[in-house]
Protein backbone atom coordinates (compact mmCIF):
# COMPACT_ATOMS: atom_id res chain seq x y z
CA UNK A 1 -0.05 -21.67 -7.61
CA UNK A 2 1.11 -21.87 -4.02
CA UNK A 3 1.75 -24.88 -1.86
CA UNK A 4 -0.50 -25.68 1.05
CA UNK A 5 1.90 -26.49 3.86
CA UNK A 6 1.05 -28.81 6.73
CA UNK A 7 1.59 -26.55 9.73
CA UNK A 8 1.83 -29.48 12.12
CA UNK A 9 5.13 -30.52 10.53
CA UNK A 10 6.75 -27.08 10.64
CA UNK A 11 9.23 -26.37 13.42
CA UNK A 12 12.57 -24.67 13.69
CA UNK A 13 11.68 -21.84 11.32
CA UNK A 14 13.89 -18.77 11.18
CA UNK A 15 11.12 -16.39 10.13
CA UNK A 16 7.34 -16.82 10.16
CA UNK A 17 5.40 -14.09 8.38
CA UNK A 18 1.73 -13.66 9.37
CA UNK A 19 -0.25 -12.22 6.46
CA UNK A 20 0.06 -13.16 2.78
CA UNK A 21 -0.77 -9.78 1.29
CA UNK A 22 1.78 -7.81 -0.70
CA UNK A 23 3.80 -6.77 2.35
CA UNK A 24 3.93 -10.26 3.85
CA UNK A 25 4.77 -11.94 0.55
CA UNK A 26 7.43 -9.34 -0.32
CA UNK A 27 9.02 -9.73 3.13
CA UNK A 28 9.25 -13.51 2.78
CA UNK A 29 10.60 -13.30 -0.79
CA UNK A 30 13.16 -10.60 0.13
CA UNK A 31 14.57 -12.67 2.99
CA UNK A 32 14.61 -16.00 1.20
CA UNK A 33 16.18 -14.58 -1.95
CA UNK A 34 18.97 -12.83 -0.02
CA UNK A 35 19.58 -15.71 2.41
CA UNK A 36 18.47 -19.01 0.85
CA UNK A 37 19.52 -20.85 4.00
CA UNK A 38 16.85 -19.14 6.10
CA UNK A 39 13.75 -21.25 6.77
CA UNK A 40 10.86 -18.89 5.93
CA UNK A 41 7.11 -19.61 5.92
CA UNK A 42 3.87 -17.61 5.64
CA UNK A 43 0.59 -18.12 7.47
CA UNK A 44 -2.57 -16.34 6.37
CA UNK A 45 -6.04 -16.25 7.90
CA UNK A 46 -7.78 -15.54 4.58
CA UNK A 47 -9.38 -18.51 2.78
CA UNK A 48 -7.47 -20.08 -0.09
CA UNK A 49 -7.84 -18.00 -3.25
CA UNK A 50 -9.40 -14.97 -1.51
CA UNK A 51 -6.74 -12.70 -3.05
CA UNK A 52 -7.99 -13.60 -6.53
CA UNK A 53 -11.30 -11.86 -5.80
CA UNK A 54 -9.67 -8.48 -5.14
CA UNK A 55 -10.70 -6.22 -8.01
CA UNK A 56 -8.80 -3.15 -6.82
CA UNK A 57 -5.60 -1.61 -8.20
CA UNK A 58 -2.72 0.10 -6.42
CA UNK A 59 -0.27 2.88 -7.26
CA UNK A 60 3.25 1.44 -7.16
CA UNK A 61 5.95 4.10 -6.80
CA UNK A 62 9.17 3.97 -8.83
CA UNK A 63 11.23 2.81 -5.84
CA UNK A 64 8.83 -0.07 -5.21
CA UNK A 65 9.03 -1.01 -8.89
CA UNK A 66 12.82 -1.17 -8.54
CA UNK A 67 12.45 -3.44 -5.53
CA UNK A 68 9.98 -5.71 -7.33
CA UNK A 69 12.42 -5.92 -10.23
CA UNK A 70 15.23 -6.87 -7.85
CA UNK A 71 12.96 -9.56 -6.38
CA UNK A 72 12.40 -11.04 -9.84
CA UNK A 73 8.68 -10.24 -10.19
CA UNK A 74 8.46 -6.95 -12.10
CA UNK A 75 9.01 -8.61 -15.50
CA UNK A 76 5.80 -10.58 -14.94
CA UNK A 77 3.87 -7.55 -13.67
CA UNK A 78 5.09 -4.92 -16.16
CA UNK A 79 2.99 -5.99 -19.18
CA UNK A 80 -0.14 -5.47 -17.06
CA UNK A 81 1.01 -2.23 -15.41
CA UNK A 82 -0.05 1.23 -16.54
CA UNK A 83 2.57 3.97 -16.30
CA UNK A 84 1.40 7.27 -14.83
CA UNK A 85 2.77 9.81 -17.31
CA UNK A 86 1.25 12.94 -15.79
CA UNK A 87 -0.44 14.04 -12.57
CA UNK A 88 -2.72 17.07 -12.30
CA UNK A 89 -4.32 18.58 -9.19
CA UNK A 90 -7.43 20.76 -9.07
CA UNK A 91 -9.38 22.38 -6.24
CA UNK A 92 -13.09 23.04 -6.75
CA UNK A 93 -16.63 22.14 -5.81
CA UNK A 94 -18.39 19.30 -7.63
CA UNK A 95 -20.95 21.71 -9.11
CA UNK A 96 -18.34 24.18 -10.42
CA UNK A 97 -18.56 24.43 -14.24
CA UNK A 98 -14.77 24.84 -14.55
CA UNK A 99 -12.04 23.08 -12.58
CA UNK A 100 -8.88 25.15 -12.84
CA UNK A 101 -5.65 23.13 -12.80
CA UNK A 102 -3.41 24.45 -10.02
CA UNK A 103 -0.57 21.94 -10.17
CA UNK A 104 0.86 19.55 -12.76
CA UNK A 105 3.61 16.97 -12.40
CA UNK A 106 5.56 15.28 -15.14
CA UNK A 107 5.57 11.55 -14.76
CA UNK A 108 9.30 10.61 -14.79
CA UNK A 109 11.97 10.45 -12.09
CA UNK A 110 14.56 9.54 -14.72
CA UNK A 111 14.36 9.29 -18.52
CA UNK A 112 12.12 6.33 -19.33
CA UNK A 113 11.26 5.69 -15.66
CA UNK A 114 7.74 6.81 -14.60
CA UNK A 115 7.37 7.95 -11.01
CA UNK A 116 4.58 5.40 -10.52
CA UNK A 117 2.55 2.63 -12.16
CA UNK A 118 -0.99 1.43 -11.55
CA UNK A 119 -1.07 -2.33 -11.00
CA UNK A 120 -4.04 -4.64 -10.45
CA UNK A 121 -3.85 -6.12 -6.96
CA UNK A 122 -4.37 -9.63 -8.35
CA UNK A 123 -1.39 -9.23 -10.69
CA UNK A 124 0.88 -8.01 -7.88
CA UNK A 125 -0.16 -10.69 -5.41
CA UNK A 126 -0.05 -13.44 -8.04
CA UNK A 127 3.48 -12.55 -9.20
CA UNK A 128 4.78 -12.51 -5.62
CA UNK A 129 3.15 -15.90 -4.94
CA UNK A 130 4.79 -17.42 -8.01
CA UNK A 131 8.16 -16.13 -6.83
CA UNK A 132 7.57 -17.43 -3.29
CA UNK A 133 6.78 -20.87 -4.70
CA UNK A 134 9.97 -20.90 -6.78
CA UNK A 135 12.00 -20.03 -3.69
CA UNK A 136 10.40 -22.87 -1.72
CA UNK A 137 8.48 -20.71 0.75
CA UNK A 138 5.56 -22.53 2.36
CA UNK A 139 2.21 -20.69 2.49
CA UNK A 140 -0.22 -21.95 5.12
CA UNK A 141 -3.65 -20.63 4.15
CA UNK A 142 -6.99 -20.32 5.86
CA UNK A 143 -5.55 -20.55 9.39
CA UNK A 144 -5.35 -17.67 11.87
CA UNK A 145 -2.77 -17.14 14.59
CA UNK A 146 -4.45 -17.53 17.97
CA UNK A 147 -1.56 -16.79 20.28
CA UNK A 148 2.16 -17.03 20.91
CA UNK A 149 4.81 -17.24 23.61
CA UNK A 150 8.31 -15.86 23.45
CA UNK A 151 11.51 -16.83 25.20
CA UNK A 152 15.21 -16.07 24.89
CA UNK A 153 15.61 -18.56 22.02
CA UNK A 154 12.53 -17.88 19.90
CA UNK A 155 8.77 -17.66 19.59
CA UNK A 156 6.13 -20.40 19.56
CA UNK A 157 3.07 -19.50 17.48
CA UNK A 158 -0.24 -21.29 18.03
CA UNK A 159 -2.62 -21.59 15.08
CA UNK A 160 -6.39 -21.97 15.07
CA UNK A 161 -6.16 -25.56 13.81
CA UNK A 162 -4.20 -26.60 16.90
CA UNK A 163 -0.78 -26.58 15.28
CA UNK A 164 2.24 -24.88 16.86
CA UNK A 165 5.15 -23.40 14.92
CA UNK A 166 8.47 -22.24 16.30
CA UNK A 167 10.60 -19.50 14.81
CA UNK A 168 13.28 -17.02 15.72
CA UNK A 169 11.20 -14.09 14.44
CA UNK A 170 7.51 -13.42 13.76
CA UNK A 171 6.69 -10.67 11.27
CA UNK A 172 3.16 -9.31 11.74
CA UNK A 173 1.84 -8.16 8.35
CA UNK A 174 -1.81 -8.88 9.18
CA UNK A 175 -3.35 -5.52 8.35
CA UNK A 176 -4.46 -2.32 10.03
CA UNK A 177 -6.63 -4.19 12.54
CA UNK A 178 -3.72 -6.47 13.42
CA UNK A 179 -4.57 -9.10 16.01
CA UNK A 180 -0.88 -9.86 16.49
CA UNK A 181 -0.15 -6.23 17.36
CA UNK A 182 -2.82 -6.43 20.06
CA UNK A 183 -1.51 -9.79 21.32
CA UNK A 184 1.97 -8.24 21.63
CA UNK A 185 0.52 -5.45 23.79
CA UNK A 186 1.53 -2.73 21.35
CA UNK A 187 -0.71 0.34 21.65
CA UNK A 188 -1.65 2.65 18.80
CA UNK A 189 -2.34 6.30 18.13
CA UNK A 190 -5.67 6.12 16.34
CA UNK A 191 -8.58 8.26 15.21
CA UNK A 192 -11.42 8.10 12.72
CA UNK A 193 -11.79 10.74 10.00
CA UNK A 194 -15.53 10.21 9.60
CA UNK A 195 -14.81 9.54 5.94
CA UNK A 196 -14.93 6.46 3.71
CA UNK A 197 -13.02 5.75 0.54
CA UNK A 198 -15.17 4.49 -2.34
CA UNK A 199 -13.22 2.34 -4.80
CA UNK A 200 -14.39 1.18 -8.21
CA UNK A 201 -13.28 0.78 -11.82
CA UNK A 202 -14.75 3.01 -14.51
CA UNK A 203 -14.80 2.23 -18.24
CA UNK A 204 -14.66 5.27 -20.54
CA UNK A 205 -14.90 6.09 -24.22
CA UNK A 206 -11.58 7.85 -24.83
CA UNK A 207 -8.04 6.89 -23.67
CA UNK A 208 -6.59 8.51 -20.54
CA UNK A 209 -3.04 8.67 -21.99
CA UNK A 210 -1.59 7.78 -18.62
CA UNK A 211 -2.89 10.90 -16.87
CA UNK A 212 -3.84 10.73 -13.20
CA UNK A 213 -6.02 13.44 -11.68
CA UNK A 214 -6.80 14.39 -8.11
CA UNK A 215 -9.69 16.76 -7.50
CA UNK A 216 -9.87 18.27 -4.03
CA UNK A 217 -13.58 18.52 -3.23
CA UNK A 218 -15.20 19.71 0.03
CA UNK A 219 -15.97 16.18 1.29
CA UNK A 220 -12.56 14.77 0.33
CA UNK A 221 -10.32 14.05 -2.67
CA UNK A 222 -11.60 12.37 -5.82
CA UNK A 223 -8.75 10.62 -7.65
CA UNK A 224 -8.84 9.21 -11.18
CA UNK A 225 -5.99 6.76 -11.75
CA UNK A 226 -5.19 5.28 -15.18
CA UNK A 227 -5.39 1.53 -15.74
CA UNK A 228 -4.20 -0.69 -18.56
CA UNK A 229 -6.98 -1.26 -21.12
CA UNK A 230 -9.00 -4.43 -20.61
CA UNK A 231 -8.36 -7.52 -22.74
CA UNK A 232 -11.02 -6.35 -25.20
CA UNK A 233 -9.41 -2.89 -25.45
CA UNK A 234 -11.83 -1.07 -23.13
CA UNK A 235 -10.33 2.11 -21.66
CA UNK A 236 -10.39 1.99 -17.85
CA UNK A 237 -9.52 4.05 -14.81
CA UNK A 238 -9.54 3.30 -11.09
CA UNK A 239 -11.48 5.66 -8.84
CA UNK A 240 -10.65 6.50 -5.23
CA UNK A 241 -13.48 8.73 -4.05
CA UNK A 242 -13.51 10.05 -0.49
CA UNK A 243 -16.86 11.05 1.01
CA UNK A 244 -18.33 11.52 4.46
CA UNK A 245 -18.92 8.06 5.88
CA UNK A 246 -22.72 8.26 5.91
CA UNK A 247 -22.83 9.62 2.35
CA UNK A 248 -20.46 6.93 1.07
CA UNK A 249 -22.61 4.22 2.64
CA UNK A 250 -25.74 5.63 1.01
CA UNK A 251 -24.00 5.86 -2.36
CA UNK A 252 -22.67 2.29 -2.50
CA UNK A 253 -25.79 0.71 -1.03
CA UNK A 254 -28.32 2.87 -2.89
CA UNK A 255 -29.67 3.10 -6.41
CA UNK A 256 -27.14 2.47 -9.20
CA UNK A 257 -28.46 5.40 -11.24
CA UNK A 258 -27.88 7.80 -8.34
CA UNK A 259 -24.34 6.50 -7.91
CA UNK A 260 -23.58 6.88 -11.62
CA UNK A 261 -25.01 10.41 -11.64
CA UNK A 262 -22.88 11.50 -8.67
CA UNK A 263 -19.85 9.80 -10.20
CA UNK A 264 -20.34 11.61 -13.50
CA UNK A 265 -20.59 14.97 -11.70
CA UNK A 266 -17.11 14.38 -10.28
CA UNK A 267 -15.50 12.46 -13.13
CA UNK A 268 -16.81 14.73 -15.89
CA UNK A 269 -17.10 13.87 -19.58
CA UNK A 270 -13.55 14.67 -20.66
CA UNK A 271 -13.05 10.99 -21.54
CA UNK A 272 -16.46 10.60 -23.15
CA UNK A 273 -19.23 8.41 -21.86
CA UNK A 274 -18.46 6.44 -18.70
CA UNK A 275 -19.88 3.40 -16.96
CA UNK A 276 -19.14 1.64 -13.70
CA UNK A 277 -17.28 -1.58 -14.53
CA UNK A 278 -17.46 -3.34 -11.15
CA UNK A 279 -19.32 -3.10 -7.86
CA UNK A 280 -18.26 -0.05 -5.83
CA UNK A 281 -17.05 -0.72 -2.29
CA UNK A 282 -16.37 1.63 0.59
CA UNK A 283 -13.77 1.43 3.37
CA UNK A 284 -13.67 3.57 6.54
CA UNK A 285 -10.70 5.94 6.71
CA UNK A 286 -8.64 6.80 9.74
CA UNK A 287 -5.12 7.24 11.04
CA UNK A 288 -3.48 4.38 12.93
CA UNK A 289 0.17 4.40 13.96
CA UNK A 290 1.66 1.80 16.29
CA UNK A 291 3.47 3.28 19.30
CA UNK A 292 6.19 0.68 18.73
CA UNK A 293 7.07 -1.26 15.58
CA UNK A 294 8.79 -4.09 17.44
CA UNK A 295 8.49 -6.25 20.54
CA UNK A 296 10.58 -9.24 21.65
CA UNK A 297 10.71 -11.64 18.65
CA UNK A 298 8.07 -9.61 16.75
CA UNK A 299 8.26 -6.93 14.04
CA UNK A 300 5.26 -5.06 12.60
CA UNK A 301 5.22 -4.25 8.89
CA UNK A 302 2.80 -2.57 6.50
CA UNK A 303 -0.67 -1.64 7.73
CA UNK A 304 -0.08 -3.49 11.00
CA UNK A 305 2.40 -0.70 11.80
CA UNK A 306 0.57 2.18 10.15
CA UNK A 307 -2.65 3.05 8.38
CA UNK A 308 -2.81 6.49 6.76
CA UNK A 309 -5.23 8.54 4.65
CA UNK A 310 -5.09 7.75 0.90
CA UNK A 311 -4.87 11.44 -0.05
CA UNK A 312 -1.21 11.05 -1.11
CA UNK A 313 -1.48 7.48 -2.38
CA UNK A 314 1.43 6.32 -0.20
CA UNK A 315 -0.06 3.56 1.99
CA UNK A 316 1.20 0.57 0.02
CA UNK A 317 4.54 2.24 -0.70
CA UNK A 318 5.10 2.88 3.01
CA UNK A 319 4.58 -0.86 3.47
CA UNK A 320 7.18 -1.67 0.83
CA UNK A 321 9.62 0.66 2.60
CA UNK A 322 9.06 -1.42 5.74
CA UNK A 323 9.80 -4.58 3.76
CA UNK A 324 13.04 -3.22 2.32
CA UNK A 325 14.30 -1.85 5.65
CA UNK A 326 13.35 -4.95 7.67
CA UNK A 327 14.89 -7.30 5.12
CA UNK A 328 18.13 -5.30 5.06
CA UNK A 329 18.39 -5.29 8.86
CA UNK A 330 17.65 -9.02 9.20
CA UNK A 331 19.97 -10.08 6.37
CA UNK A 332 22.86 -8.04 7.73
CA UNK A 333 22.30 -9.42 11.23
CA UNK A 334 22.21 -12.98 9.92
CA UNK A 335 25.45 -12.47 7.97
CA UNK A 336 27.09 -11.27 11.17
CA UNK A 337 25.85 -14.31 13.07
CA UNK A 338 23.52 -12.26 15.25
CA UNK A 339 20.15 -13.41 16.56
CA UNK A 340 17.69 -12.04 13.96
CA UNK A 341 14.84 -11.94 16.48
CA UNK A 342 16.75 -10.18 19.26
CA UNK A 343 15.27 -6.88 20.33
CA UNK A 344 18.47 -4.90 19.74
CA UNK A 345 18.47 -6.09 16.11
CA UNK A 346 14.79 -5.28 15.61
CA UNK A 347 15.22 -1.83 17.12
CA UNK A 348 17.47 -0.91 14.18
CA UNK A 349 14.47 -1.48 11.95
CA UNK A 350 12.24 0.58 14.22
CA UNK A 351 14.68 3.48 14.30
CA UNK A 352 14.93 3.41 10.51
CA UNK A 353 11.21 3.39 9.79
CA UNK A 354 9.37 5.07 12.63
CA UNK A 355 10.23 8.73 11.96
CA UNK A 356 9.42 8.49 8.24
CA UNK A 357 6.12 6.79 9.05
CA UNK A 358 5.06 9.36 11.64
CA UNK A 359 6.07 12.15 9.26
CA UNK A 360 3.93 10.70 6.45
CA UNK A 361 1.02 10.13 8.83
CA UNK A 362 1.13 13.75 10.01
CA UNK A 363 1.49 15.02 6.43
CA UNK A 364 -1.53 13.13 5.14
CA UNK A 365 -3.54 14.14 8.20
CA UNK A 366 -2.76 17.83 7.65
CA UNK A 367 -3.47 17.61 3.91
CA UNK A 368 -6.82 15.95 4.54
CA UNK A 369 -7.84 18.57 7.09
CA UNK A 370 -6.63 21.40 4.86
CA UNK A 371 -8.30 20.24 1.64
CA UNK A 372 -11.42 18.33 2.78
CA UNK A 373 -13.50 21.39 3.59
CA UNK A 374 -15.23 24.34 1.95
CA UNK A 375 -13.90 27.14 4.14
CA UNK A 376 -13.27 30.13 1.86
CA UNK A 377 -10.10 31.52 3.55
CA UNK A 378 -8.50 28.07 3.62
CA UNK A 379 -9.44 27.51 -0.01
CA UNK A 380 -7.71 30.76 -0.96
CA UNK A 381 -4.57 29.94 0.99
CA UNK A 382 -4.23 26.40 -0.39
CA UNK A 383 -4.86 27.50 -3.98
CA UNK A 384 -2.18 30.16 -3.67
CA UNK A 385 0.16 27.50 -2.24
CA UNK A 386 -0.52 25.10 -5.11
CA UNK A 387 0.05 27.90 -7.61
CA UNK A 388 3.41 28.78 -6.01
CA UNK A 389 4.57 25.15 -6.17
CA UNK A 390 3.56 25.06 -9.85
CA UNK A 391 5.96 27.94 -10.52
CA UNK A 392 8.92 26.38 -8.67
CA UNK A 393 10.45 23.55 -10.76
CA UNK A 394 12.96 22.50 -8.10
CA UNK A 395 10.23 22.15 -5.48
CA UNK A 396 8.11 20.15 -7.92
CA UNK A 397 11.09 17.87 -8.58
CA UNK A 398 11.46 17.37 -4.82
CA UNK A 399 7.81 16.36 -4.49
CA UNK A 400 8.18 13.93 -7.41
CA UNK A 401 11.20 12.32 -5.72
CA UNK A 402 9.21 11.99 -2.51
CA UNK A 403 6.21 10.50 -4.31
CA UNK A 404 8.48 8.06 -6.15
CA UNK A 405 9.90 6.77 -2.84
CA UNK A 406 13.46 7.80 -3.72
CA UNK A 407 14.09 10.09 -0.76
CA UNK A 408 17.10 10.18 1.58
CA UNK A 409 17.73 7.04 3.62
CA UNK A 410 16.15 4.74 1.04
CA UNK A 411 16.93 1.04 1.72
CA UNK A 412 18.97 -0.78 -0.90
CA UNK A 413 16.13 -2.86 -2.32
CA UNK A 414 14.19 0.32 -3.14
CA UNK A 415 17.19 1.56 -5.10
CA UNK A 416 17.09 -1.64 -7.11
CA UNK A 417 20.20 -3.00 -5.35
CA UNK A 418 20.65 -6.46 -3.86
CA UNK A 419 21.01 -6.86 -0.11
């Protein structure tokens, strides 16, 4: 699907993107589509084809769908995407016989436009790779960045295979444990929640009708997210299940029957009989926010800049906001004949994205601390709060707009506009 570039022959790049996940691929595609004359390449440490083994799915907000459509990939993704038509929120204990619904959201930001879709990670990554290939973007796979040097004219990037690449700008999209961020000397604000997120796919007897549910339980949220039926028509949902780290480890590494029993206690039987459709995996959860998003000749994007709690389902969409803002800043600078890797140019991107990122990080942190406990007074206060929001249509509409990514200061790509 993608071309394997010979790194030893690459020099004089305009932009080198490190990391061929969704954020890295979308950054490269955004830049190359808007400015075909830019020489853009990707380098990725993961082995060739590793992305095809990712069985997870992601919630793609409406604004991100508009951006993907503008980038020419949504038409390929849409047939495999499941619209979220409704979102309900409950607050209870896993053993409670009844889970009262405190808050419901309609699923549209505009007539015929759902506020989010669930998309298989393989489908998203594959569509972006096809688009990158059509645009002539080289993808260098299975090679890590080992170091770099910057000067007034550009950056020289050294790869693990001994090759050296030169560019005007290096975009670090290499994940929450970014090596490039560390190499650039950028510090982080970071702490561990002592929680892990269990992810798996569940097959169930009855259709979900596009409904997503988030149950706030004492150990953390349990989210049920609708997926497109399998090729054989099997009804499926994606599970994001937050537990204390030691409990999550015991669940995913222990007896399958115990896991299925605990899952059923939380999932319930509203959709009939259920079964686990793939191997559950657990990831540690924490908050990581870079103290700076840029350094000379370097810009951080996606999880390299920020890693937040999944309680609001906004991690990937924050990354796409980075993509849209960074692309807009770089394209405008290039049109004006400015140096796209100069620090004053990159600081425009940092100013645009940093406040929103910190705000979302603080919000998810507060929500997690407020809801991931069994303290009776707090439970009463939060349930009253949820009930008040349910009775205020304008406030609910505001939250839907926020969840859809269509808030104030949205970059053009996220509005579905060209840059």
